[in-house]
């Protein structure tokens, strides 16, 4: 019975850590997407205005 309880505890900890990593990766994916959109807007603004310096 103690072995089963230990296995369940280990599986619960692994699932908890994995769930945290997946949520943080999802957050970082959205942050990267927003930064990419901002970079495209800045690039287009430089092309349209003809400025070569930031």
PDB file of N, CA and C in Angstrom:
ATOM      1  N   UNK A   1       0.821  -1.195   0.000  1.00  0.00           N
ATOM      2  CA  UNK A   1       0.000   0.000   0.000  1.00  0.00           C
ATOM      3  C   UNK A   1       0.863   1.257   0.000  1.00  0.00           C
ATOM      4  N   UNK A   2       1.974   1.253   0.747  1.00  0.00           N
ATOM      5  CA  UNK A   2       2.858   2.415   0.766  1.00  0.00           C
ATOM      6  C   UNK A   2       3.508   2.634  -0.595  1.00  0.00           C
ATOM      7  N   UNK A   3       3.815   1.542  -1.306  1.00  0.00           N
ATOM      8  CA  UNK A   3       4.405   1.656  -2.637  1.00  0.00           C
ATOM      9  C   UNK A   3       3.424   2.314  -3.600  1.00  0.00           C
ATOM     10  N   UNK A   4       2.160   1.923  -3.541  1.00  0.00           N
ATOM     11  CA  UNK A   4       1.132   2.510  -4.397  1.00  0.00           C
ATOM     12  C   UNK A   4       0.952   3.997  -4.082  1.00  0.00           C
ATOM     13  N   UNK A   5       0.959   4.354  -2.814  1.00  0.00           N
ATOM     14  CA  UNK A   5       0.835   5.746  -2.413  1.00  0.00           C
ATOM     15  C   UNK A   5       2.028   6.564  -2.909  1.00  0.00           C
ATOM     16  N   UNK A   6       3.221   5.998  -2.846  1.00  0.00           N
ATOM     17  CA  UNK A   6       4.419   6.678  -3.341  1.00  0.00           C
ATOM     18  C   UNK A   6       4.365   6.898  -4.843  1.00  0.00           C
ATOM     19  N   UNK A   7       3.906   5.896  -5.586  1.00  0.00           N
ATOM     20  CA  UNK A   7       3.797   6.013  -7.042  1.00  0.00           C
ATOM     21  C   UNK A   7       2.776   7.080  -7.409  1.00  0.00           C
ATOM     22  N   UNK A   8       1.647   7.094  -6.707  1.00  0.00           N
ATOM     23  CA  UNK A   8       0.618   8.104  -6.987  1.00  0.00           C
ATOM     24  C   UNK A   8       1.157   9.506  -6.694  1.00  0.00           C
ATOM     25  N   UNK A   9       1.914   9.645  -5.601  1.00  0.00           N
ATOM     26  CA  UNK A   9       2.478  10.955  -5.254  1.00  0.00           C
ATOM     27  C   UNK A   9       3.470  11.414  -6.319  1.00  0.00           C
ATOM     28  N   UNK A  10       4.315  10.528  -6.812  1.00  0.00           N
ATOM     29  CA  UNK A  10       5.295  10.883  -7.844  1.00  0.00           C
ATOM     30  C   UNK A  10       4.590  11.283  -9.140  1.00  0.00           C
ATOM     31  N   UNK A  11       3.572  10.534  -9.527  1.00  0.00           N
ATOM     32  CA  UNK A  11       2.827  10.854 -10.746  1.00  0.00           C
ATOM     33  C   UNK A  11       2.137  12.210 -10.592  1.00  0.00           C
ATOM     34  N   UNK A  12       1.582  12.495  -9.419  1.00  0.00           N
ATOM     35  CA  UNK A  12       0.916  13.776  -9.188  1.00  0.00           C
ATOM     36  C   UNK A  12       1.906  14.929  -9.291  1.00  0.00           C
ATOM     37  N   UNK A  13       3.103  14.774  -8.748  1.00  0.00           N
ATOM     38  CA  UNK A  13       4.123  15.828  -8.818  1.00  0.00           C
ATOM     39  C   UNK A  13       4.567  16.039 -10.258  1.00  0.00           C
ATOM     40  N   UNK A  14       4.773  14.957 -10.999  1.00  0.00           N
ATOM     41  CA  UNK A  14       5.187  15.077 -12.399  1.00  0.00           C
ATOM     42  C   UNK A  14       4.118  15.791 -13.221  1.00  0.00           C
ATOM     43  N   UNK A  15       2.860  15.440 -13.006  1.00  0.00           N
ATOM     44  CA  UNK A  15       1.774  16.097 -13.743  1.00  0.00           C
ATOM     45  C   UNK A  15       1.657  17.572 -13.368  1.00  0.00           C
ATOM     46  N   UNK A  16       1.880  17.896 -12.103  1.00  0.00           N
ATOM     47  CA  UNK A  16       1.821  19.286 -11.665  1.00  0.00           C
ATOM     48  C   UNK A  16       2.922  20.110 -12.328  1.00  0.00           C
ATOM     49  N   UNK A  17       4.151  19.592 -12.352  1.00  0.00           N
ATOM     50  CA  UNK A  17       5.268  20.316 -12.975  1.00  0.00           C
ATOM     51  C   UNK A  17       5.051  20.434 -14.479  1.00  0.00           C
ATOM     52  N   UNK A  18       4.595  19.363 -15.121  1.00  0.00           N
ATOM     53  CA  UNK A  18       4.363  19.395 -16.565  1.00  0.00           C
ATOM     54  C   UNK A  18       3.269  20.403 -16.919  1.00  0.00           C
ATOM     55  N   UNK A  19       2.221  20.460 -16.140  1.00  0.00           N
ATOM     56  CA  UNK A  19       1.149  21.421 -16.380  1.00  0.00           C
ATOM     57  C   UNK A  19       1.648  22.853 -16.257  1.00  0.00           C
ATOM     58  N   UNK A  20       2.516  23.115 -15.300  1.00  0.00           N
ATOM     59  CA  UNK A  20       3.094  24.451 -15.151  1.00  0.00           C
ATOM     60  C   UNK A  20       3.952  24.827 -16.334  1.00  0.00           C
ATOM     61  N   UNK A  21       4.755  23.884 -16.840  1.00  0.00           N
ATOM     62  CA  UNK A  21       5.599  24.167 -17.999  1.00  0.00           C
ATOM     63  C   UNK A  21       4.747  24.449 -19.231  1.00  0.00           C
ATOM     64  N   UNK A  22       3.685  23.696 -19.416  1.00  0.00           N
ATOM     65  CA  UNK A  22       2.840  23.884 -20.595  1.00  0.00           C
ATOM     66  C   UNK A  22       2.171  25.255 -20.543  1.00  0.00           C
ATOM     67  N   UNK A  23       1.713  25.673 -19.368  1.00  0.00           N
ATOM     68  CA  UNK A  23       1.085  26.988 -19.249  1.00  0.00           C
ATOM     69  C   UNK A  23       2.098  28.095 -19.509  1.00  0.00           C
ATOM     70  N   UNK A  24       3.318  27.946 -18.996  1.00  0.00           N
ATOM     71  CA  UNK A  24       4.316  28.986 -19.215  1.00  0.00           C
ATOM     72  C   UNK A  24       4.735  29.023 -20.678  1.00  0.00           C
ATOM     73  N   UNK A  25       4.832  27.872 -21.321  1.00  0.00           N
ATOM     74  CA  UNK A  25       5.177  27.857 -22.738  1.00  0.00           C
ATOM     75  C   UNK A  25       4.067  28.485 -23.572  1.00  0.00           C
ATOM     76  N   UNK A  26       2.838  28.249 -23.197  1.00  0.00           N
ATOM     77  CA  UNK A  26       1.712  28.867 -23.902  1.00  0.00           C
ATOM     78  C   UNK A  26       1.771  30.389 -23.754  1.00  0.00           C
ATOM     79  N   UNK A  27       2.083  30.873 -22.560  1.00  0.00           N
ATOM     80  CA  UNK A  27       2.221  32.305 -22.324  1.00  0.00           C
ATOM     81  C   UNK A  27       3.360  32.876 -23.166  1.00  0.00           C
ATOM     82  N   UNK A  28       4.499  32.190 -23.193  1.00  0.00           N
ATOM     83  CA  UNK A  28       5.640  32.682 -23.969  1.00  0.00           C
ATOM     84  C   UNK A  28       5.344  32.665 -25.464  1.00  0.00           C
ATOM     85  N   UNK A  29       4.524  31.730 -25.903  1.00  0.00           N
ATOM     86  CA  UNK A  29       4.135  31.702 -27.313  1.00  0.00           C
ATOM     87  C   UNK A  29       3.342  32.956 -27.667  1.00  0.00           C
ATOM     88  N   UNK A  30       2.424  33.349 -26.808  1.00  0.00           N
ATOM     89  CA  UNK A  30       1.645  34.569 -27.058  1.00  0.00           C
ATOM     90  C   UNK A  30       2.518  35.807 -27.001  1.00  0.00           C
ATOM     91  N   UNK A  31       3.458  35.849 -26.055  1.00  0.00           N
ATOM     92  CA  UNK A  31       4.381  36.986 -25.970  1.00  0.00           C
ATOM     93  C   UNK A  31       5.215  37.081 -27.245  1.00  0.00           C
ATOM     94  N   UNK A  32       5.708  35.953 -27.738  1.00  0.00           N
ATOM     95  CA  UNK A  32       6.479  35.949 -28.978  1.00  0.00           C
ATOM     96  C   UNK A  32       5.651  36.401 -30.164  1.00  0.00           C
ATOM     97  N   UNK A  33       4.398  36.006 -30.209  1.00  0.00           N
ATOM     98  CA  UNK A  33       3.516  36.418 -31.299  1.00  0.00           C
ATOM     99  C   UNK A  33       3.284  37.932 -31.276  1.00  0.00           C
ATOM    100  N   UNK A  34       3.054  38.492 -30.093  1.00  0.00           N
ATOM    101  CA  UNK A  34       2.851  39.934 -29.967  1.00  0.00           C
ATOM    102  C   UNK A  34       4.116  40.689 -30.366  1.00  0.00           C
ATOM    103  N   UNK A  35       5.284  40.213 -29.941  1.00  0.00           N
ATOM    104  CA  UNK A  35       6.540  40.868 -30.310  1.00  0.00           C
ATOM    105  C   UNK A  35       6.782  40.788 -31.812  1.00  0.00           C
ATOM    106  N   UNK A  36       6.426  39.683 -32.436  1.00  0.00           N
ATOM    107  CA  UNK A  36       6.587  39.556 -33.884  1.00  0.00           C
ATOM    108  C   UNK A  36       5.683  40.542 -34.616  1.00  0.00           C
ATOM    109  N   UNK A  37       4.456  40.722 -34.133  1.00  0.00           N
ATOM    110  CA  UNK A  37       3.539  41.676 -34.755  1.00  0.00           C
ATOM    111  C   UNK A  37       4.072  43.099 -34.608  1.00  0.00           C
ATOM    112  N   UNK A  38       4.602  43.427 -33.438  1.00  0.00           N
ATOM    113  CA  UNK A  38       5.178  44.755 -33.228  1.00  0.00           C
ATOM    114  C   UNK A  38       6.372  44.969 -34.153  1.00  0.00           C
ATOM    115  N   UNK A  39       7.218  43.949 -34.321  1.00  0.00           N
ATOM    116  CA  UNK A  39       8.376  44.067 -35.212  1.00  0.00           C
ATOM    117  C   UNK A  39       7.930  44.299 -36.655  1.00  0.00           C
ATOM    118  N   UNK A  40       6.883  43.623 -37.094  1.00  0.00           N
ATOM    119  CA  UNK A  40       6.388  43.816 -38.459  1.00  0.00           C
ATOM    120  C   UNK A  40       5.835  45.232 -38.625  1.00  0.00           C
ATOM    121  N   UNK A  41       5.123  45.742 -37.631  1.00  0.00           N
ATOM    122  CA  UNK A  41       4.577  47.097 -37.717  1.00  0.00           C
ATOM    123  C   UNK A  41       5.707  48.123 -37.795  1.00  0.00           C
ATOM    124  N   UNK A  42       6.753  47.958 -36.979  1.00  0.00           N
ATOM    125  CA  UNK A  42       7.883  48.886 -37.009  1.00  0.00           C
ATOM    126  C   UNK A  42       8.595  48.804 -38.352  1.00  0.00           C
ATOM    127  N   UNK A  43       8.775  47.592 -38.875  1.00  0.00           N
ATOM    128  CA  UNK A  43       9.420  47.433 -40.180  1.00  0.00           C
ATOM    129  C   UNK A  43       8.615  48.125 -41.276  1.00  0.00           C
ATOM    130  N   UNK A  44       7.307  47.922 -41.273  1.00  0.00           N
ATOM    131  CA  UNK A  44       6.460  48.558 -42.282  1.00  0.00           C
ATOM    132  C   UNK A  44       6.471  50.080 -42.141  1.00  0.00           C
ATOM    133  N   UNK A  45       6.501  50.582 -40.928  1.00  0.00           N
ATOM    134  CA  UNK A  45       6.555  52.029 -40.717  1.00  0.00           C
ATOM    135  C   UNK A  45       7.861  52.590 -41.263  1.00  0.00           C
ATOM    136  N   UNK A  46       8.967  51.872 -41.088  1.00  0.00           N
ATOM    137  CA  UNK A  46      10.246  52.338 -41.618  1.00  0.00           C
ATOM    138  C   UNK A  46      10.237  52.305 -43.143  1.00  0.00           C
ATOM    139  N   UNK A  47       9.637  51.286 -43.733  1.00  0.00           N
ATOM    140  CA  UNK A  47       9.602  51.188 -45.198  1.00  0.00           C
ATOM    141  C   UNK A  47       8.709  52.285 -45.787  1.00  0.00           C
ATOM    142  N   UNK A  48       7.570  52.520 -45.176  1.00  0.00           N
ATOM    143  CA  UNK A  48       6.626  53.500 -45.707  1.00  0.00           C
ATOM    144  C   UNK A  48       7.186  54.917 -45.585  1.00  0.00           C
ATOM    145  N   UNK A  49       7.785  55.234 -44.430  1.00  0.00           N
ATOM    146  CA  UNK A  49       8.276  56.590 -44.224  1.00  0.00           C
ATOM    147  C   UNK A  49       9.639  56.816 -44.878  1.00  0.00           C
ATOM    148  N   UNK A  50      10.348  55.742 -45.201  1.00  0.00           N
ATOM    149  CA  UNK A  50      11.648  55.871 -45.850  1.00  0.00           C
ATOM    150  C   UNK A  50      12.778  56.177 -44.894  1.00  0.00           C
ATOM    151  N   UNK A  51      12.530  56.101 -43.599  1.00  0.00           N
ATOM    152  CA  UNK A  51      13.587  56.362 -42.623  1.00  0.00           C
ATOM    153  C   UNK A  51      14.425  55.108 -42.446  1.00  0.00           C
ATOM    154  N   UNK A  52      15.726  55.294 -42.334  1.00  0.00           N
ATOM    155  CA  UNK A  52      16.637  54.144 -42.155  1.00  0.00           C
ATOM    156  C   UNK A  52      17.198  54.078 -40.749  1.00  0.00           C
ATOM    157  N   UNK A  53      16.917  55.069 -39.928  1.00  0.00           N
ATOM    158  CA  UNK A  53      17.397  55.050 -38.539  1.00  0.00           C
ATOM    159  C   UNK A  53      16.205  54.961 -37.610  1.00  0.00           C
ATOM    160  N   UNK A  54      16.462  54.377 -36.462  1.00  0.00           N
ATOM    161  CA  UNK A  54      15.374  54.224 -35.488  1.00  0.00           C
ATOM    162  C   UNK A  54      15.514  55.287 -34.427  1.00  0.00           C
TER     163      UNK A  54
END
